[in-house]
């Protein structure tokens, strides 16, 4: 019955939040066509498409150095965790919020963060939400064990998008129980 579909576009000219995009070339959803799609919508200086882990870490260094407000990670859970670990390792005074783009094989963190589908419309919506200052960014607690971010604590979803806003508390893991007689 007369469903209306608004065309959602990411307009880099009016973005109030500074947004960077990091795409994992090895991710299932990061195809040559998808990279072209991002290049048409994200300024070259804000788009990082590294060709390996070392260059991904270099890109994360630039994200911190340039002071982006939000980093959108294009890939799966592994890409998100690599970005979180890389940002935490740099320990700057202010880290960007993370918003995962649903482009990987494993997308559990994307479900928790409320990422849109991996369609042009969905990706444009996530880019627009990342840039929009009125979109609330809710913290997502990250857990650290032996210096590695390994899991997230799922909280209740609320309005706005839920992104990992770092730094988060990284509690020490309690000692594992020893096996023995009960």
C-alpha atoms as a PDB file:
ATOM      1  CA  UNK A   1       0.000   0.000   0.000  1.00  0.00           C
ATOM      2  CA  UNK A   2       2.012   2.929  -1.290  1.00  0.00           C
ATOM      3  CA  UNK A   3       5.286   2.087   0.419  1.00  0.00           C
ATOM      4  CA  UNK A   4       7.745   4.901  -0.021  1.00  0.00           C
ATOM      5  CA  UNK A   5      11.454   4.368  -0.313  1.00  0.00           C
ATOM      6  CA  UNK A   6      13.666   7.348   0.353  1.00  0.00           C
ATOM      7  CA  UNK A   7      16.982   7.336  -1.459  1.00  0.00           C
ATOM      8  CA  UNK A   8      19.655   7.309   1.226  1.00  0.00           C
ATOM      9  CA  UNK A   9      22.948   8.834   0.241  1.00  0.00           C
ATOM     10  CA  UNK A  10      26.084   9.542   2.212  1.00  0.00           C
ATOM     11  CA  UNK A  11      26.953  13.161   1.525  1.00  0.00           C
ATOM     12  CA  UNK A  12      30.578  13.692   2.445  1.00  0.00           C
ATOM     13  CA  UNK A  13      30.257  17.450   1.943  1.00  0.00           C
ATOM     14  CA  UNK A  14      27.946  17.981   4.914  1.00  0.00           C
ATOM     15  CA  UNK A  15      29.176  15.296   7.285  1.00  0.00           C
ATOM     16  CA  UNK A  16      29.522  16.754  10.754  1.00  0.00           C
ATOM     17  CA  UNK A  17      31.391  13.771  12.179  1.00  0.00           C
ATOM     18  CA  UNK A  18      34.681  12.889  10.562  1.00  0.00           C
ATOM     19  CA  UNK A  19      34.268   9.363   9.209  1.00  0.00           C
ATOM     20  CA  UNK A  20      36.933   6.998   7.905  1.00  0.00           C
ATOM     21  CA  UNK A  21      36.244   3.674   6.192  1.00  0.00           C
ATOM     22  CA  UNK A  22      38.592   0.685   6.404  1.00  0.00           C
ATOM     23  CA  UNK A  23      37.816  -2.147   3.971  1.00  0.00           C
ATOM     24  CA  UNK A  24      39.323  -5.613   4.324  1.00  0.00           C
ATOM     25  CA  UNK A  25      40.162  -6.764   0.774  1.00  0.00           C
ATOM     26  CA  UNK A  26      40.001 -10.398   1.930  1.00  0.00           C
ATOM     27  CA  UNK A  27      36.432 -10.081   3.238  1.00  0.00           C
ATOM     28  CA  UNK A  28      33.730 -11.911   1.307  1.00  0.00           C
ATOM     29  CA  UNK A  29      31.717  -8.754   0.626  1.00  0.00           C
ATOM     30  CA  UNK A  30      34.643  -6.543  -0.398  1.00  0.00           C
ATOM     31  CA  UNK A  31      34.618  -7.055  -4.155  1.00  0.00           C
ATOM     32  CA  UNK A  32      36.154  -4.823  -6.824  1.00  0.00           C
ATOM     33  CA  UNK A  33      32.670  -3.456  -7.543  1.00  0.00           C
ATOM     34  CA  UNK A  34      32.083  -2.762  -3.843  1.00  0.00           C
ATOM     35  CA  UNK A  35      35.434  -0.930  -3.544  1.00  0.00           C
ATOM     36  CA  UNK A  36      34.434   1.229  -6.557  1.00  0.00           C
ATOM     37  CA  UNK A  37      31.097   1.928  -4.849  1.00  0.00           C
ATOM     38  CA  UNK A  38      32.918   3.198  -1.752  1.00  0.00           C
ATOM     39  CA  UNK A  39      35.394   5.227  -3.844  1.00  0.00           C
ATOM     40  CA  UNK A  40      32.427   7.003  -5.437  1.00  0.00           C
ATOM     41  CA  UNK A  41      31.040   7.961  -2.013  1.00  0.00           C
ATOM     42  CA  UNK A  42      33.959   8.400   0.377  1.00  0.00           C
ATOM     43  CA  UNK A  43      36.742  10.956  -0.125  1.00  0.00           C
ATOM     44  CA  UNK A  44      40.037   9.270  -1.033  1.00  0.00           C
ATOM     45  CA  UNK A  45      41.786  10.522   2.105  1.00  0.00           C
ATOM     46  CA  UNK A  46      39.072   8.915   4.268  1.00  0.00           C
ATOM     47  CA  UNK A  47      39.007   5.508   2.558  1.00  0.00           C
ATOM     48  CA  UNK A  48      41.554   2.844   3.463  1.00  0.00           C
ATOM     49  CA  UNK A  49      41.786  -0.400   1.499  1.00  0.00           C
ATOM     50  CA  UNK A  50      44.947  -2.056   2.840  1.00  0.00           C
ATOM     51  CA  UNK A  51      46.416  -5.120   1.178  1.00  0.00           C
ATOM     52  CA  UNK A  52      47.413  -6.898   4.374  1.00  0.00           C
ATOM     53  CA  UNK A  53      47.638  -6.731   8.153  1.00  0.00           C
ATOM     54  CA  UNK A  54      50.753  -4.535   8.217  1.00  0.00           C
ATOM     55  CA  UNK A  55      49.173  -1.910   5.955  1.00  0.00           C
ATOM     56  CA  UNK A  56      45.922  -2.198   7.946  1.00  0.00           C
ATOM     57  CA  UNK A  57      47.870  -1.255  11.080  1.00  0.00           C
ATOM     58  CA  UNK A  58      49.425   1.670   9.182  1.00  0.00           C
ATOM     59  CA  UNK A  59      45.913   2.799   8.197  1.00  0.00           C
ATOM     60  CA  UNK A  60      44.762   2.557  11.828  1.00  0.00           C
ATOM     61  CA  UNK A  61      47.703   4.774  12.788  1.00  0.00           C
ATOM     62  CA  UNK A  62      46.496   7.380  10.295  1.00  0.00           C
ATOM     63  CA  UNK A  63      42.943   7.116  11.625  1.00  0.00           C
ATOM     64  CA  UNK A  64      44.214   7.957  15.121  1.00  0.00           C
ATOM     65  CA  UNK A  65      46.632  10.627  13.889  1.00  0.00           C
ATOM     66  CA  UNK A  66      43.939  12.410  11.866  1.00  0.00           C
ATOM     67  CA  UNK A  67      41.444  12.329  14.708  1.00  0.00           C
ATOM     68  CA  UNK A  68      38.455  10.703  13.021  1.00  0.00           C
ATOM     69  CA  UNK A  69      35.263  10.552  15.070  1.00  0.00           C
ATOM     70  CA  UNK A  70      34.044   7.252  13.587  1.00  0.00           C
ATOM     71  CA  UNK A  71      35.788   4.363  11.832  1.00  0.00           C
ATOM     72  CA  UNK A  72      33.540   2.136   9.720  1.00  0.00           C
ATOM     73  CA  UNK A  73      35.119  -1.290   9.282  1.00  0.00           C
ATOM     74  CA  UNK A  74      34.189  -3.205   6.137  1.00  0.00           C
ATOM     75  CA  UNK A  75      34.562  -6.920   6.736  1.00  0.00           C
ATOM     76  CA  UNK A  76      33.464  -9.430   9.318  1.00  0.00           C
ATOM     77  CA  UNK A  77      34.070  -9.969  12.996  1.00  0.00           C
ATOM     78  CA  UNK A  78      37.806 -10.471  12.426  1.00  0.00           C
ATOM     79  CA  UNK A  79      38.147  -7.108  10.696  1.00  0.00           C
ATOM     80  CA  UNK A  80      36.271  -5.402  13.530  1.00  0.00           C
ATOM     81  CA  UNK A  81      38.438  -7.087  16.173  1.00  0.00           C
ATOM     82  CA  UNK A  82      41.670  -6.270  14.314  1.00  0.00           C
ATOM     83  CA  UNK A  83      40.611  -2.609  14.211  1.00  0.00           C
ATOM     84  CA  UNK A  84      39.633  -2.588  17.896  1.00  0.00           C
ATOM     85  CA  UNK A  85      42.907  -4.231  18.920  1.00  0.00           C
ATOM     86  CA  UNK A  86      44.961  -1.931  16.690  1.00  0.00           C
ATOM     87  CA  UNK A  87      43.289   1.186  18.040  1.00  0.00           C
ATOM     88  CA  UNK A  88      43.554   0.087  21.662  1.00  0.00           C
ATOM     89  CA  UNK A  89      47.244  -0.740  21.183  1.00  0.00           C
ATOM     90  CA  UNK A  90      47.905   2.881  20.202  1.00  0.00           C
ATOM     91  CA  UNK A  91      46.235   4.152  23.409  1.00  0.00           C
ATOM     92  CA  UNK A  92      45.666   7.726  22.238  1.00  0.00           C
ATOM     93  CA  UNK A  93      43.721  10.214  24.349  1.00  0.00           C
ATOM     94  CA  UNK A  94      40.668   9.904  22.089  1.00  0.00           C
ATOM     95  CA  UNK A  95      39.736   6.970  19.920  1.00  0.00           C
ATOM     96  CA  UNK A  96      37.042   6.858  17.250  1.00  0.00           C
ATOM     97  CA  UNK A  97      33.782   5.011  17.618  1.00  0.00           C
ATOM     98  CA  UNK A  98      33.649   1.832  15.531  1.00  0.00           C
ATOM     99  CA  UNK A  99      30.749   0.952  13.278  1.00  0.00           C
ATOM    100  CA  UNK A 100      31.074  -2.370  11.441  1.00  0.00           C
ATOM    101  CA  UNK A 101      29.824  -2.593   7.862  1.00  0.00           C
ATOM    102  CA  UNK A 102      28.291  -6.002   7.163  1.00  0.00           C
ATOM    103  CA  UNK A 103      30.778  -7.249   4.539  1.00  0.00           C
ATOM    104  CA  UNK A 104      32.273 -10.376   6.072  1.00  0.00           C
ATOM    105  CA  UNK A 105      31.497 -14.022   6.561  1.00  0.00           C
ATOM    106  CA  UNK A 106      31.074 -13.795  10.338  1.00  0.00           C
ATOM    107  CA  UNK A 107      28.902 -10.825  11.262  1.00  0.00           C
ATOM    108  CA  UNK A 108      27.894 -11.385  14.896  1.00  0.00           C
ATOM    109  CA  UNK A 109      29.281  -8.026  16.045  1.00  0.00           C
ATOM    110  CA  UNK A 110      27.329  -6.384  13.228  1.00  0.00           C
ATOM    111  CA  UNK A 111      24.117  -7.779  14.681  1.00  0.00           C
ATOM    112  CA  UNK A 112      25.002  -6.401  18.116  1.00  0.00           C
ATOM    113  CA  UNK A 113      25.875  -2.991  16.658  1.00  0.00           C
ATOM    114  CA  UNK A 114      22.752  -2.764  14.508  1.00  0.00           C
ATOM    115  CA  UNK A 115      24.543  -2.641  11.153  1.00  0.00           C
ATOM    116  CA  UNK A 116      22.393  -2.426   8.035  1.00  0.00           C
ATOM    117  CA  UNK A 117      22.257  -5.104   5.322  1.00  0.00           C
ATOM    118  CA  UNK A 118      25.166  -5.253   2.855  1.00  0.00           C
ATOM    119  CA  UNK A 119      23.195  -3.581   0.073  1.00  0.00           C
ATOM    120  CA  UNK A 120      24.038  -0.211  -1.473  1.00  0.00           C
ATOM    121  CA  UNK A 121      21.092   1.269   0.420  1.00  0.00           C
ATOM    122  CA  UNK A 122      22.120  -0.361   3.703  1.00  0.00           C
ATOM    123  CA  UNK A 123      25.768   0.649   3.400  1.00  0.00           C
ATOM    124  CA  UNK A 124      24.802   4.223   2.479  1.00  0.00           C
ATOM    125  CA  UNK A 125      22.522   4.272   5.508  1.00  0.00           C
ATOM    126  CA  UNK A 126      25.371   3.176   7.809  1.00  0.00           C
ATOM    127  CA  UNK A 127      27.727   5.792   6.352  1.00  0.00           C
ATOM    128  CA  UNK A 128      25.081   8.482   6.814  1.00  0.00           C
ATOM    129  CA  UNK A 129      24.409   7.356  10.387  1.00  0.00           C
ATOM    130  CA  UNK A 130      28.124   7.389  11.187  1.00  0.00           C
ATOM    131  CA  UNK A 131      28.417  10.979   9.956  1.00  0.00           C
ATOM    132  CA  UNK A 132      25.217  12.274  11.544  1.00  0.00           C
ATOM    133  CA  UNK A 133      25.940  14.075  14.839  1.00  0.00           C
ATOM    134  CA  UNK A 134      22.414  13.511  16.160  1.00  0.00           C
ATOM    135  CA  UNK A 135      22.823   9.704  15.942  1.00  0.00           C
ATOM    136  CA  UNK A 136      23.583   8.463  19.425  1.00  0.00           C
ATOM    137  CA  UNK A 137      26.664   6.299  19.848  1.00  0.00           C
ATOM    138  CA  UNK A 138      26.175   3.774  22.614  1.00  0.00           C
ATOM    139  CA  UNK A 139      29.163   2.090  24.234  1.00  0.00           C
ATOM    140  CA  UNK A 140      29.798  -1.590  23.665  1.00  0.00           C
ATOM    141  CA  UNK A 141      32.070  -3.104  26.269  1.00  0.00           C
ATOM    142  CA  UNK A 142      35.048  -4.987  24.934  1.00  0.00           C
ATOM    143  CA  UNK A 143      36.831  -7.661  26.904  1.00  0.00           C
ATOM    144  CA  UNK A 144      40.580  -8.092  26.954  1.00  0.00           C
ATOM    145  CA  UNK A 145      42.546 -11.190  27.852  1.00  0.00           C
ATOM    146  CA  UNK A 146      46.318 -11.339  27.741  1.00  0.00           C
ATOM    147  CA  UNK A 147      46.471  -8.074  25.798  1.00  0.00           C
ATOM    148  CA  UNK A 148      44.016  -9.195  23.101  1.00  0.00           C
ATOM    149  CA  UNK A 149      40.469  -8.001  22.629  1.00  0.00           C
ATOM    150  CA  UNK A 150      38.605 -11.264  22.327  1.00  0.00           C
ATOM    151  CA  UNK A 151      34.899 -10.759  22.925  1.00  0.00           C
ATOM    152  CA  UNK A 152      32.160  -8.267  23.500  1.00  0.00           C
ATOM    153  CA  UNK A 153      29.649  -8.044  26.261  1.00  0.00           C
ATOM    154  CA  UNK A 154      26.232  -7.716  24.686  1.00  0.00           C
ATOM    155  CA  UNK A 155      24.122  -5.007  26.225  1.00  0.00           C
ATOM    156  CA  UNK A 156      20.555  -3.963  25.639  1.00  0.00           C
ATOM    157  CA  UNK A 157      19.954  -2.266  22.315  1.00  0.00           C
ATOM    158  CA  UNK A 158      18.532   1.206  22.431  1.00  0.00           C
ATOM    159  CA  UNK A 159      17.823   3.999  19.987  1.00  0.00           C
ATOM    160  CA  UNK A 160      20.509   5.160  17.590  1.00  0.00           C
ATOM    161  CA  UNK A 161      23.323   2.964  16.432  1.00  0.00           C
ATOM    162  CA  UNK A 162      25.365   0.953  18.861  1.00  0.00           C
ATOM    163  CA  UNK A 163      29.026   1.126  18.075  1.00  0.00           C
ATOM    164  CA  UNK A 164      32.113   0.270  20.015  1.00  0.00           C
ATOM    165  CA  UNK A 165      33.152   3.568  21.460  1.00  0.00           C
ATOM    166  CA  UNK A 166      36.648   3.190  22.750  1.00  0.00           C
ATOM    167  CA  UNK A 167      38.316   3.287  25.164  1.00  0.00           C
ATOM    168  CA  UNK A 168      36.194   0.787  26.995  1.00  0.00           C
ATOM    169  CA  UNK A 169      36.883  -0.868  30.251  1.00  0.00           C
ATOM    170  CA  UNK A 170      38.937  -3.966  29.608  1.00  0.00           C
ATOM    171  CA  UNK A 171      38.524  -5.909  32.837  1.00  0.00           C
ATOM    172  CA  UNK A 172      41.064  -8.449  33.865  1.00  0.00           C
ATOM    173  CA  UNK A 173      39.832 -11.959  33.347  1.00  0.00           C
ATOM    174  CA  UNK A 174      39.186 -13.841  36.570  1.00  0.00           C
ATOM    175  CA  UNK A 175      41.317 -16.906  37.078  1.00  0.00           C
ATOM    176  CA  UNK A 176      39.938 -20.016  35.457  1.00  0.00           C
ATOM    177  CA  UNK A 177      38.621 -22.562  37.916  1.00  0.00           C
ATOM    178  CA  UNK A 178      40.849 -25.549  38.393  1.00  0.00           C
ATOM    179  CA  UNK A 179      39.390 -28.941  37.749  1.00  0.00           C
ATOM    180  CA  UNK A 180      39.230 -31.195  40.699  1.00  0.00           C
ATOM    181  CA  UNK A 181      36.829 -32.893  43.043  1.00  0.00           C
ATOM    182  CA  UNK A 182      33.630 -31.015  43.737  1.00  0.00           C
END
